[in-house]
Amino acid sequence: MSADSIALTEGVYYILLALHQPLHGYGIMQQVEQMSKGRVVLAAGTLYGALNNLVARGWIVALPMATDSRRKSYQITTLGKQMVEAEIARLQELLDNGLHIIAQEKGGAEHEI
């Protein structure tokens, strides 16, 4: 699957960003909420379903657990980083196109007056 053929959901995007450093589930939920300024709040079921999906796609890996820990940590893979970079490029294109249209509209409106 090509990195430029998928639009990521907001939740997946933030999970991948959070996992640029190893984190366990609760840490991911906290990091996502912090990065999104509270706008994106992941429920545990949603998070763990997404984590399983991301592991299956090879975008993240589950790290070996310490013998004294019950928390499984995850980290983004090179493929996952490529997916984030492709999503950033896609979002930048959306932003650039929107700003271009708005600027044209404002410029055209000024000429009409």
C-alpha atoms as a PDB file:
ATOM      1  CA  MET A   1       0.000   0.000   0.000  1.00  0.00           C
ATOM      2  CA  SER A   2       1.453   3.328  -1.072  1.00  0.00           C
ATOM      3  CA  ALA A   3       2.050   5.945   1.589  1.00  0.00           C
ATOM      4  CA  ASP A   4       0.490   8.611  -0.626  1.00  0.00           C
ATOM      5  CA  SER A   5      -2.752   6.680  -1.212  1.00  0.00           C
ATOM      6  CA  ILE A   6      -4.136   6.787   2.325  1.00  0.00           C
ATOM      7  CA  ALA A   7      -5.665   9.609   4.323  1.00  0.00           C
ATOM      8  CA  LEU A   8      -5.089   8.943   7.997  1.00  0.00           C
ATOM      9  CA  THR A   9      -7.779   9.475  10.575  1.00  0.00           C
ATOM     10  CA  GLU A  10      -6.976  12.128  13.123  1.00  0.00           C
ATOM     11  CA  GLY A  11      -6.644   9.528  15.849  1.00  0.00           C
ATOM     12  CA  VAL A  12      -4.193   7.395  13.866  1.00  0.00           C
ATOM     13  CA  TYR A  13      -2.216  10.480  12.881  1.00  0.00           C
ATOM     14  CA  TYR A  14      -1.820  11.543  16.505  1.00  0.00           C
ATOM     15  CA  ILE A  15      -1.019   7.988  17.662  1.00  0.00           C
ATOM     16  CA  LEU A  16       1.773   7.776  15.097  1.00  0.00           C
ATOM     17  CA  LEU A  17       3.112  11.176  16.159  1.00  0.00           C
ATOM     18  CA  ALA A  18       3.011  10.176  19.821  1.00  0.00           C
ATOM     19  CA  LEU A  19       4.959   7.000  19.081  1.00  0.00           C
ATOM     20  CA  HIS A  20       8.045   8.806  17.836  1.00  0.00           C
ATOM     21  CA  GLN A  21       9.084   7.924  21.388  1.00  0.00           C
ATOM     22  CA  PRO A  22       8.211   4.599  23.034  1.00  0.00           C
ATOM     23  CA  LEU A  23       4.951   4.814  24.987  1.00  0.00           C
ATOM     24  CA  HIS A  24       2.412   2.485  26.569  1.00  0.00           C
ATOM     25  CA  GLY A  25      -1.323   2.791  25.960  1.00  0.00           C
ATOM     26  CA  TYR A  26      -2.173   5.246  28.716  1.00  0.00           C
ATOM     27  CA  GLY A  27       0.841   7.386  27.798  1.00  0.00           C
ATOM     28  CA  ILE A  28      -0.349   7.464  24.185  1.00  0.00           C
ATOM     29  CA  MET A  29      -3.824   8.585  25.271  1.00  0.00           C
ATOM     30  CA  GLN A  30      -2.318  11.377  27.380  1.00  0.00           C
ATOM     31  CA  GLN A  31       0.092  12.483  24.645  1.00  0.00           C
ATOM     32  CA  VAL A  32      -2.638  12.584  21.990  1.00  0.00           C
ATOM     33  CA  GLU A  33      -4.924  14.610  24.240  1.00  0.00           C
ATOM     34  CA  GLN A  34      -2.078  17.019  25.051  1.00  0.00           C
ATOM     35  CA  MET A  35      -0.968  17.456  21.417  1.00  0.00           C
ATOM     36  CA  SER A  36      -4.540  18.106  20.279  1.00  0.00           C
ATOM     37  CA  LYS A  37      -5.183  20.479  23.205  1.00  0.00           C
ATOM     38  CA  GLY A  38      -7.951  18.185  24.423  1.00  0.00           C
ATOM     39  CA  ARG A  39      -9.787  18.023  21.090  1.00  0.00           C
ATOM     40  CA  VAL A  40      -8.899  14.373  20.419  1.00  0.00           C
ATOM     41  CA  VAL A  41      -9.596  12.008  23.308  1.00  0.00           C
ATOM     42  CA  LEU A  42      -9.039   8.309  22.636  1.00  0.00           C
ATOM     43  CA  ALA A  43     -11.104   5.753  24.511  1.00  0.00           C
ATOM     44  CA  ALA A  44      -9.199   2.632  25.571  1.00  0.00           C
ATOM     45  CA  GLY A  45     -11.121   0.347  23.190  1.00  0.00           C
ATOM     46  CA  THR A  46     -10.530   2.670  20.250  1.00  0.00           C
ATOM     47  CA  LEU A  47      -6.850   3.014  21.089  1.00  0.00           C
ATOM     48  CA  TYR A  48      -6.149  -0.698  21.451  1.00  0.00           C
ATOM     49  CA  GLY A  49      -8.060  -1.508  18.262  1.00  0.00           C
ATOM     50  CA  ALA A  50      -5.995   1.106  16.427  1.00  0.00           C
ATOM     51  CA  LEU A  51      -2.746  -0.177  17.951  1.00  0.00           C
ATOM     52  CA  ASN A  52      -3.499  -3.734  16.809  1.00  0.00           C
ATOM     53  CA  ASN A  53      -4.286  -2.450  13.318  1.00  0.00           C
ATOM     54  CA  LEU A  54      -1.108  -0.353  13.184  1.00  0.00           C
ATOM     55  CA  VAL A  55       1.021  -3.300  14.325  1.00  0.00           C
ATOM     56  CA  ALA A  56      -0.598  -5.493  11.639  1.00  0.00           C
ATOM     57  CA  ARG A  57       0.214  -2.866   8.988  1.00  0.00           C
ATOM     58  CA  GLY A  58       3.816  -2.626  10.178  1.00  0.00           C
ATOM     59  CA  TRP A  59       3.487   1.068  11.044  1.00  0.00           C
ATOM     60  CA  ILE A  60       4.338   0.493  14.716  1.00  0.00           C
ATOM     61  CA  VAL A  61       5.927  -2.310  16.715  1.00  0.00           C
ATOM     62  CA  ALA A  62       5.203  -3.635  20.172  1.00  0.00           C
ATOM     63  CA  LEU A  63       8.360  -3.450  22.231  1.00  0.00           C
ATOM     64  CA  PRO A  64       9.504  -6.314  24.470  1.00  0.00           C
ATOM     65  CA  MET A  65       7.948  -5.969  27.901  1.00  0.00           C
ATOM     66  CA  ALA A  66      10.060  -5.721  31.010  1.00  0.00           C
ATOM     67  CA  THR A  67       9.512  -8.702  33.283  1.00  0.00           C
ATOM     68  CA  ASP A  68       8.264  -6.438  36.072  1.00  0.00           C
ATOM     69  CA  SER A  69       5.814  -4.507  33.897  1.00  0.00           C
ATOM     70  CA  ARG A  70       2.255  -5.174  32.740  1.00  0.00           C
ATOM     71  CA  ARG A  71       2.393  -2.288  30.285  1.00  0.00           C
ATOM     72  CA  LYS A  72       3.103  -2.989  26.643  1.00  0.00           C
ATOM     73  CA  SER A  73       4.930  -0.147  24.920  1.00  0.00           C
ATOM     74  CA  TYR A  74       4.912   0.670  21.229  1.00  0.00           C
ATOM     75  CA  GLN A  75       7.112   2.647  18.854  1.00  0.00           C
ATOM     76  CA  ILE A  76       6.699   3.900  15.298  1.00  0.00           C
ATOM     77  CA  THR A  77       8.534   2.093  12.474  1.00  0.00           C
ATOM     78  CA  THR A  78      10.222   3.544   9.394  1.00  0.00           C
ATOM     79  CA  LEU A  79       7.074   2.717   7.403  1.00  0.00           C
ATOM     80  CA  GLY A  80       4.959   4.486  10.018  1.00  0.00           C
ATOM     81  CA  LYS A  81       7.186   7.555   9.747  1.00  0.00           C
ATOM     82  CA  GLN A  82       6.718   7.491   5.971  1.00  0.00           C
ATOM     83  CA  MET A  83       2.951   7.392   6.486  1.00  0.00           C
ATOM     84  CA  VAL A  84       3.105  10.444   8.789  1.00  0.00           C
ATOM     85  CA  GLU A  85       5.262  12.324   6.280  1.00  0.00           C
ATOM     86  CA  ALA A  86       2.839  11.470   3.461  1.00  0.00           C
ATOM     87  CA  GLU A  87      -0.088  12.649   5.603  1.00  0.00           C
ATOM     88  CA  ILE A  88       1.679  15.921   6.401  1.00  0.00           C
ATOM     89  CA  ALA A  89       2.272  16.467   2.663  1.00  0.00           C
ATOM     90  CA  ARG A  90      -1.411  15.687   1.953  1.00  0.00           C
ATOM     91  CA  LEU A  91      -2.574  18.088   4.657  1.00  0.00           C
ATOM     92  CA  GLN A  92      -0.161  20.766   3.402  1.00  0.00           C
ATOM     93  CA  GLU A  93      -1.611  20.417  -0.092  1.00  0.00           C
ATOM     94  CA  LEU A  94      -5.133  20.831   1.314  1.00  0.00           C
ATOM     95  CA  LEU A  95      -4.051  23.917   3.241  1.00  0.00           C
ATOM     96  CA  ASP A  96      -2.176  25.429   0.290  1.00  0.00           C
ATOM     97  CA  ASN A  97      -5.124  24.899  -2.067  1.00  0.00           C
ATOM     98  CA  GLY A  98      -7.563  26.387   0.422  1.00  0.00           C
ATOM     99  CA  LEU A  99      -5.388  29.419   1.069  1.00  0.00           C
ATOM    100  CA  HIS A 100      -4.896  29.904  -2.677  1.00  0.00           C
ATOM    101  CA  ILE A 101      -8.652  29.880  -3.349  1.00  0.00           C
ATOM    102  CA  ILE A 102      -9.372  32.218  -0.435  1.00  0.00           C
ATOM    103  CA  ALA A 103      -6.632  34.620  -1.576  1.00  0.00           C
ATOM    104  CA  GLN A 104      -8.017  34.585  -5.136  1.00  0.00           C
ATOM    105  CA  GLU A 105     -11.503  35.244  -3.832  1.00  0.00           C
ATOM    106  CA  LYS A 106     -10.319  38.149  -1.695  1.00  0.00           C
ATOM    107  CA  GLY A 107      -8.269  39.549  -4.571  1.00  0.00           C
ATOM    108  CA  GLY A 108     -11.183  39.200  -6.972  1.00  0.00           C
ATOM    109  CA  ALA A 109     -13.600  40.801  -4.525  1.00  0.00           C
ATOM    110  CA  GLU A 110     -11.301  43.800  -4.139  1.00  0.00           C
ATOM    111  CA  HIS A 111     -11.216  44.276  -7.914  1.00  0.00           C
ATOM    112  CA  GLU A 112     -14.997  44.068  -8.172  1.00  0.00           C
ATOM    113  CA  ILE A 113     -15.515  46.971  -5.779  1.00  0.00           C
END
